[in-house]
Amino acid sequence: MELNEQPSWLANWQPQPTNHHSGPRVAPKPAAQPEPAKPKANFQGFIIPERWPCDNGARREPVLDADLGRVVRYVGWKKCMRCGKWFFSEDVARLRMCHETSATGVLGCRRKDVDYDLL
């Protein structure tokens, strides 16, 4: 038998179908779900999330600039630094006192008749 010649058993060999898998079983990928519709921007070009029930400040949502896709500010529930009531803040970093349209409907600590910059 020469070096390049195949043995007769190897020349006649055909792969047989098997019932086992040689590798680990992988779960099939789930079907692609359609992406939820993106919220539309308001007349100023901002995407502002809807107000949600009071969650004691656990959730903060970004306000996005629709043109640039950047975060402008964050909104969420915040505790008034003067009276301690929960109110929905349109900017949790800057607005720290409750205003006239607070959740309780009572006149808030941050009234329009007082100029806080002069205090």
Protein backbone atom coordinates (compact mmCIF):
# COMPACT_ATOMS: atom_id res chain seq x y z
CA MET A 1 0.00 0.00 0.00
CA GLU A 2 1.36 3.40 -0.96
CA LEU A 3 1.35 6.47 1.32
CA ASN A 4 -1.27 8.46 -0.62
CA GLU A 5 -3.63 5.53 -1.14
CA GLN A 6 -6.71 5.25 1.11
CA PRO A 7 -7.57 1.95 2.76
CA SER A 8 -10.62 0.20 1.33
CA TRP A 9 -12.70 0.64 4.50
CA LEU A 10 -12.12 4.42 4.46
CA ALA A 11 -12.92 4.73 0.77
CA ASN A 12 -16.30 3.01 1.28
CA TRP A 13 -17.19 4.84 4.50
CA GLN A 14 -20.24 7.11 4.40
CA PRO A 15 -21.34 9.30 7.35
CA GLN A 16 -24.47 7.91 8.97
CA PRO A 17 -27.26 10.11 10.39
CA THR A 18 -27.35 10.13 14.16
CA ASN A 19 -30.00 10.99 16.71
CA HIS A 20 -27.73 12.83 19.11
CA HIS A 21 -26.31 16.35 19.00
CA SER A 22 -22.58 16.68 19.35
CA GLY A 23 -22.70 20.15 20.96
CA PRO A 24 -24.72 21.94 23.61
CA ARG A 25 -28.36 22.58 22.81
CA VAL A 26 -29.19 26.20 22.21
CA ALA A 27 -32.68 27.52 22.68
CA PRO A 28 -34.18 29.06 19.56
CA LYS A 29 -34.15 32.83 19.42
CA PRO A 30 -37.49 34.47 20.20
CA ALA A 31 -39.33 36.06 17.32
CA ALA A 32 -38.46 39.70 16.81
CA GLN A 33 -41.05 41.97 18.37
CA PRO A 34 -41.83 45.30 16.74
CA GLU A 35 -40.31 48.28 18.53
CA PRO A 36 -42.77 50.45 20.44
CA ALA A 37 -43.69 53.71 18.80
CA LYS A 38 -41.48 56.60 19.84
CA PRO A 39 -43.22 59.44 21.63
CA LYS A 40 -43.72 62.56 19.55
CA ALA A 41 -42.16 65.88 20.40
CA ASN A 42 -44.23 68.83 21.58
CA PHE A 43 -44.34 72.20 19.79
CA GLN A 44 -41.00 73.23 21.38
CA GLY A 45 -39.22 70.11 20.16
CA PHE A 46 -38.99 68.26 23.49
CA ILE A 47 -40.11 64.72 24.29
CA ILE A 48 -41.66 65.06 27.75
CA PRO A 49 -42.88 61.92 29.58
CA GLU A 50 -46.42 61.80 30.94
CA ARG A 51 -46.99 62.47 34.64
CA TRP A 52 -47.34 59.30 36.72
CA PRO A 53 -48.81 58.62 40.19
CA CYS A 54 -46.70 59.52 43.21
CA ASP A 55 -43.95 56.95 43.82
CA ASN A 56 -42.10 58.88 46.55
CA GLY A 57 -39.28 59.92 44.23
CA ALA A 58 -38.25 56.43 43.11
CA ARG A 59 -38.46 57.18 39.38
CA ARG A 60 -36.81 59.92 37.30
CA GLU A 61 -37.52 60.26 33.60
CA PRO A 62 -35.42 62.25 31.10
CA VAL A 63 -36.80 65.05 28.94
CA LEU A 64 -35.18 64.71 25.52
CA ASP A 65 -34.47 67.23 22.80
CA ALA A 66 -36.05 65.64 19.72
CA ASP A 67 -33.61 67.26 17.29
CA LEU A 68 -30.36 66.39 19.06
CA GLY A 69 -31.49 63.38 21.08
CA ARG A 70 -29.85 64.78 24.23
CA VAL A 71 -31.19 64.84 27.76
CA VAL A 72 -32.34 68.36 28.67
CA ARG A 73 -33.56 67.73 32.24
CA TYR A 74 -35.17 65.10 34.44
CA VAL A 75 -38.74 65.11 35.75
CA GLY A 76 -40.18 63.20 38.68
CA TRP A 77 -41.68 63.36 42.14
CA LYS A 78 -39.75 65.42 44.68
CA LYS A 79 -40.30 66.42 48.29
CA CYS A 80 -40.69 70.16 48.92
CA MET A 81 -37.71 71.49 50.87
CA ARG A 82 -39.96 73.89 52.80
CA CYS A 83 -43.16 72.02 53.69
CA GLY A 84 -42.18 68.38 52.99
CA LYS A 85 -45.09 67.57 50.63
CA TRP A 86 -44.54 65.48 47.51
CA PHE A 87 -45.00 67.34 44.21
CA PHE A 88 -44.29 66.56 40.56
CA SER A 89 -41.21 68.55 39.61
CA GLU A 90 -40.65 69.56 35.99
CA ASP A 91 -36.92 69.77 36.74
CA VAL A 92 -35.76 67.75 39.74
CA ALA A 93 -32.35 69.46 39.81
CA ARG A 94 -33.63 73.06 39.94
CA LEU A 95 -37.24 73.07 41.15
CA ARG A 96 -37.17 72.12 44.85
CA MET A 97 -40.26 73.84 46.30
CA CYS A 98 -43.85 72.91 45.53
CA HIS A 99 -45.80 75.25 43.29
CA GLU A 100 -49.41 76.31 42.82
CA THR A 101 -50.44 73.22 40.88
CA SER A 102 -49.19 70.72 43.44
CA ALA A 103 -50.74 67.28 43.84
CA THR A 104 -52.88 68.42 46.80
CA GLY A 105 -54.31 71.41 44.92
CA VAL A 106 -53.34 73.74 47.76
CA LEU A 107 -51.39 76.93 47.13
CA GLY A 108 -47.75 75.81 47.13
CA CYS A 109 -44.68 77.23 48.82
CA ARG A 110 -43.33 78.62 45.54
CA ARG A 111 -45.86 81.33 44.75
CA LYS A 112 -45.79 83.70 41.80
CA ASP A 113 -46.41 86.79 43.96
CA VAL A 114 -42.99 86.44 45.65
CA ASP A 115 -39.76 87.16 43.79
CA TYR A 116 -37.37 84.65 45.32
CA ASP A 117 -34.33 86.21 43.64
CA LEU A 118 -34.77 89.35 45.79
CA LEU A 119 -34.91 87.44 49.10
